[in-house]
């Protein structure tokens, strides 16, 4: 299992289920489902006791950074998961992703046992040290439909529905239950391109009056916890944070 990197522009849109279907109908001749197709995506965001990373992300205008552990589906110990260092600078996303088994990821996150000696792993370890070994703070999951352009697999389009989060049982193997982020069936459309958006896609978005949003799943979960008075405290493996 090898790690890999991404460098691309990513833009998000909040759309209704009706507009999702309309967009798919409009662009269906240009896209095909990717290898994952429809799947449950789970992401555990790592943060400090005082939520330093998400607070900095909310305040930052130019540079943002996140550490997270991701799985596609509900994994068991031997299944592959992805430890990611995601940075965003002036609208461009730089992602460092290392593959490992769930058991290896758990030993690394909770006990600091480095699973492999690679350049990507060293970059992740540097950030882990920089932030004082952040621990799981929130698990966010969704149901994802993923597509790529028929002639260019680097152009990716995803639709995330049924977004939910929880602040307890912060283990990927515990499944994807949680509190819903949207109660109206809204969908997060994300478009990822290596350079400029293709003309056929730009025209479809304009035709359907679909406009960009600065939405962040982690930020929205944090807002619900902090502002909407979620009674449950944030729980990490070795600490509890009350707001």
Protein backbone atom coordinates (compact mmCIF):
# COMPACT_ATOMS: atom_id res chain seq x y z
CA UNK A 1 0.00 0.00 0.00
CA UNK A 2 1.56 3.28 -1.11
CA UNK A 3 0.77 6.84 -0.10
CA UNK A 4 -0.02 9.53 -2.61
CA UNK A 5 -0.54 13.26 -2.99
CA UNK A 6 -3.07 15.60 -4.55
CA UNK A 7 -2.80 19.19 -5.68
CA UNK A 8 -5.99 20.63 -7.13
CA UNK A 9 -8.70 23.25 -6.91
CA UNK A 10 -11.79 22.18 -4.99
CA UNK A 11 -15.11 23.98 -4.96
CA UNK A 12 -18.20 23.10 -2.89
CA UNK A 13 -21.87 23.83 -3.47
CA UNK A 14 -24.93 23.22 -1.28
CA UNK A 15 -27.79 22.00 -3.45
CA UNK A 16 -31.19 20.34 -3.08
CA UNK A 17 -31.85 16.74 -4.08
CA UNK A 18 -33.88 18.09 -7.01
CA UNK A 19 -30.96 20.13 -8.32
CA UNK A 20 -28.63 17.18 -7.81
CA UNK A 21 -30.74 15.07 -10.15
CA UNK A 22 -31.07 17.92 -12.64
CA UNK A 23 -27.28 18.35 -12.73
CA UNK A 24 -26.70 14.62 -13.20
CA UNK A 25 -29.17 14.63 -16.09
CA UNK A 26 -27.40 17.61 -17.61
CA UNK A 27 -23.84 16.22 -17.45
CA UNK A 28 -24.42 12.46 -17.74
CA UNK A 29 -22.75 12.21 -21.15
CA UNK A 30 -19.51 13.62 -19.71
CA UNK A 31 -19.10 11.49 -16.56
CA UNK A 32 -18.81 7.91 -15.35
CA UNK A 33 -18.94 6.50 -11.80
CA UNK A 34 -15.56 6.01 -10.16
CA UNK A 35 -14.38 2.72 -8.63
CA UNK A 36 -16.04 3.46 -5.28
CA UNK A 37 -19.39 4.36 -6.86
CA UNK A 38 -21.81 4.90 -3.99
CA UNK A 39 -20.30 4.35 -0.57
CA UNK A 40 -20.33 5.51 3.04
CA UNK A 41 -17.40 7.82 3.75
CA UNK A 42 -16.24 8.18 7.36
CA UNK A 43 -13.74 10.80 8.49
CA UNK A 44 -12.33 11.22 11.99
CA UNK A 45 -10.88 14.70 12.46
CA UNK A 46 -7.93 15.01 14.80
CA UNK A 47 -7.64 18.09 16.97
CA UNK A 48 -6.19 19.43 20.19
CA UNK A 49 -8.00 19.72 23.51
CA UNK A 50 -8.79 23.37 22.81
CA UNK A 51 -9.81 22.61 19.19
CA UNK A 52 -6.86 24.56 17.82
CA UNK A 53 -7.06 23.25 14.25
CA UNK A 54 -10.73 23.94 13.61
CA UNK A 55 -10.55 27.33 15.33
CA UNK A 56 -7.59 28.28 13.13
CA UNK A 57 -9.41 27.02 10.04
CA UNK A 58 -12.42 29.19 10.82
CA UNK A 59 -10.28 32.28 11.40
CA UNK A 60 -7.87 31.77 8.50
CA UNK A 61 -8.43 33.53 5.20
CA UNK A 62 -5.42 32.24 3.26
CA UNK A 63 -4.10 29.01 4.79
CA UNK A 64 -5.95 26.09 6.43
CA UNK A 65 -4.78 22.71 7.65
CA UNK A 66 -6.55 19.53 8.80
CA UNK A 67 -5.53 16.08 9.99
CA UNK A 68 -7.99 13.24 9.54
CA UNK A 69 -8.40 9.49 9.30
CA UNK A 70 -10.74 8.29 6.55
CA UNK A 71 -12.40 5.03 5.52
CA UNK A 72 -14.73 4.01 2.73
CA UNK A 73 -17.30 1.82 4.39
CA UNK A 74 -16.99 0.44 7.92
CA UNK A 75 -13.53 -1.15 8.23
CA UNK A 76 -12.15 -4.02 10.29
CA UNK A 77 -8.59 -4.21 11.61
CA UNK A 78 -7.02 -5.47 8.37
CA UNK A 79 -8.90 -3.16 6.02
CA UNK A 80 -7.18 -0.19 4.40
CA UNK A 81 -7.81 3.30 5.77
CA UNK A 82 -6.24 6.63 4.90
CA UNK A 83 -4.41 9.05 7.17
CA UNK A 84 -4.52 12.49 5.58
CA UNK A 85 -2.85 15.85 5.98
CA UNK A 86 -4.96 18.35 4.07
CA UNK A 87 -3.79 21.90 3.46
CA UNK A 88 -5.56 24.66 1.58
CA UNK A 89 -3.68 27.74 0.38
CA UNK A 90 -5.37 30.45 -1.70
CA UNK A 91 -8.03 28.08 -2.95
CA UNK A 92 -5.68 25.23 -3.91
CA UNK A 93 -5.88 22.00 -1.91
CA UNK A 94 -2.71 20.04 -1.15
CA UNK A 95 -3.40 16.61 0.28
CA UNK A 96 -0.91 14.08 1.61
CA UNK A 97 -2.51 10.67 2.06
CA UNK A 98 -0.90 7.56 3.55
CA UNK A 99 -2.52 4.12 3.29
CA UNK A 100 -2.38 1.68 6.20
CA UNK A 101 -4.50 -0.91 7.96
CA UNK A 102 -7.04 0.21 10.53
CA UNK A 103 -5.03 -1.52 13.26
CA UNK A 104 -1.88 0.40 12.22
CA UNK A 105 -3.78 3.68 12.12
CA UNK A 106 -5.21 3.12 15.59
CA UNK A 107 -1.76 2.36 17.03
CA UNK A 108 -0.37 5.50 15.42
CA UNK A 109 -3.15 7.90 16.45
CA UNK A 110 -3.45 6.69 20.04
CA UNK A 111 0.07 5.42 20.81
CA UNK A 112 2.34 7.23 18.34
CA UNK A 113 3.66 4.01 16.74
CA UNK A 114 4.66 5.05 13.21
CA UNK A 115 3.56 2.36 10.72
CA UNK A 116 6.07 3.10 7.94
CA UNK A 117 8.96 5.37 7.01
CA UNK A 118 7.84 7.34 3.95
CA UNK A 119 8.04 10.99 2.94
CA UNK A 120 4.29 11.43 3.37
CA UNK A 121 4.34 9.74 6.77
CA UNK A 122 7.18 12.04 7.87
CA UNK A 123 5.12 15.09 6.82
CA UNK A 124 2.12 13.82 8.77
CA UNK A 125 4.30 13.07 11.79
CA UNK A 126 5.75 16.59 11.66
CA UNK A 127 2.25 18.10 11.86
CA UNK A 128 1.24 15.68 14.61
CA UNK A 129 4.25 16.80 16.65
CA UNK A 130 3.66 20.45 15.82
CA UNK A 131 0.14 20.33 17.26
CA UNK A 132 1.05 18.26 20.30
CA UNK A 133 -0.30 14.88 19.13
CA UNK A 134 -3.95 15.77 18.41
CA UNK A 135 -6.53 13.08 19.08
CA UNK A 136 -9.93 12.22 17.53
CA UNK A 137 -12.46 14.99 18.14
CA UNK A 138 -15.35 14.45 15.71
CA UNK A 139 -16.42 11.66 13.35
CA UNK A 140 -18.23 12.90 10.23
CA UNK A 141 -19.85 10.54 7.75
CA UNK A 142 -21.93 10.78 4.59
CA UNK A 143 -23.26 8.78 1.67
CA UNK A 144 -21.17 9.61 -1.38
CA UNK A 145 -21.71 9.27 -5.11
CA UNK A 146 -18.46 9.84 -6.99
CA UNK A 147 -17.84 10.43 -10.70
CA UNK A 148 -15.01 11.48 -12.96
CA UNK A 149 -14.89 12.92 -16.48
CA UNK A 150 -14.89 10.32 -19.25
CA UNK A 151 -11.68 11.70 -20.79
CA UNK A 152 -9.90 12.96 -17.67
CA UNK A 153 -9.99 11.07 -14.36
CA UNK A 154 -8.45 14.07 -12.58
CA UNK A 155 -11.75 15.94 -12.93
CA UNK A 156 -13.91 14.54 -10.14
CA UNK A 157 -17.46 15.28 -9.05
CA UNK A 158 -18.92 14.01 -5.78
CA UNK A 159 -22.34 14.28 -4.17
CA UNK A 160 -22.48 13.84 -0.38
CA UNK A 161 -25.87 13.24 1.21
CA UNK A 162 -27.11 12.38 4.72
CA UNK A 163 -24.24 14.18 6.45
CA UNK A 164 -23.97 13.26 10.13
CA UNK A 165 -21.51 13.60 12.99
CA UNK A 166 -20.86 12.32 16.48
CA UNK A 167 -18.47 13.12 19.31
CA UNK A 168 -18.47 9.74 21.03
CA UNK A 169 -17.25 6.28 19.94
CA UNK A 170 -14.60 7.92 17.78
CA UNK A 171 -13.51 4.75 16.03
CA UNK A 172 -14.14 3.97 12.37
CA UNK A 173 -15.12 0.39 13.15
CA UNK A 174 -18.04 1.65 15.27
CA UNK A 175 -20.00 2.63 12.16
CA UNK A 176 -21.44 5.86 10.80
CA UNK A 177 -24.34 6.76 13.09
CA UNK A 178 -24.62 10.35 14.27
CA UNK A 179 -26.56 13.62 14.41
CA UNK A 180 -27.67 14.95 11.02
CA UNK A 181 -26.02 18.14 9.81
CA UNK A 182 -28.86 18.92 7.35
CA UNK A 183 -32.50 18.28 8.14
CA UNK A 184 -33.84 19.31 4.74
CA UNK A 185 -32.15 16.71 2.53
CA UNK A 186 -29.51 19.10 1.22
CA UNK A 187 -26.54 17.70 -0.66
CA UNK A 188 -22.90 18.81 -0.79
CA UNK A 189 -21.64 18.91 -4.35
CA UNK A 190 -17.85 19.01 -4.62
CA UNK A 191 -15.96 19.59 -7.86
CA UNK A 192 -12.23 18.84 -7.97
CA UNK A 193 -10.15 19.91 -10.95
CA UNK A 194 -6.38 20.09 -11.57
CA UNK A 195 -6.69 23.48 -13.29
CA UNK A 196 -9.70 25.33 -14.69
CA UNK A 197 -13.23 23.93 -14.72
CA UNK A 198 -14.27 22.39 -18.06
CA UNK A 199 -16.67 24.46 -20.12
CA UNK A 200 -19.43 21.82 -20.21
CA UNK A 201 -19.52 21.72 -16.42
CA UNK A 202 -19.36 25.49 -15.97
CA UNK A 203 -22.29 25.91 -18.36
CA UNK A 204 -24.35 23.28 -16.53
CA UNK A 205 -23.81 25.01 -13.18
CA UNK A 206 -24.81 28.37 -14.63
CA UNK A 207 -27.89 26.92 -16.32
CA UNK A 208 -29.10 25.47 -13.02
CA UNK A 209 -28.15 28.53 -10.93
CA UNK A 210 -25.75 26.51 -8.76
CA UNK A 211 -23.35 28.81 -6.93
CA UNK A 212 -20.23 28.13 -4.81
CA UNK A 213 -20.29 27.90 -1.02
CA UNK A 214 -17.53 28.05 1.59
CA UNK A 215 -19.12 25.12 3.43
CA UNK A 216 -16.94 22.82 5.58
CA UNK A 217 -18.32 19.63 7.13
CA UNK A 218 -16.04 19.87 10.16
CA UNK A 219 -16.78 23.57 10.64
CA UNK A 220 -20.53 22.97 10.43
CA UNK A 221 -20.36 20.13 12.96
CA UNK A 222 -18.31 22.35 15.26
CA UNK A 223 -20.85 25.17 14.85
CA UNK A 224 -23.70 22.86 15.82
CA UNK A 225 -21.83 21.69 18.89
CA UNK A 226 -20.82 25.18 19.96
CA UNK A 227 -23.70 27.42 18.89
CA UNK A 228 -26.76 25.21 18.79
CA UNK A 229 -26.10 23.84 22.25
CA UNK A 230 -25.59 20.16 21.55
CA UNK A 231 -25.74 18.70 25.05
CA UNK A 232 -23.12 16.04 24.42
CA UNK A 233 -19.50 17.07 25.16
CA UNK A 234 -16.74 16.45 22.66
CA UNK A 235 -14.99 13.26 23.67
CA UNK A 236 -11.54 12.14 22.64
CA UNK A 237 -9.94 8.86 23.61
CA UNK A 238 -8.24 10.35 26.67
CA UNK A 239 -10.04 13.60 27.33
CA UNK A 240 -13.44 15.28 27.43
CA UNK A 241 -14.02 18.85 26.30
CA UNK A 242 -17.01 20.85 27.50
CA UNK A 243 -18.09 24.04 25.77
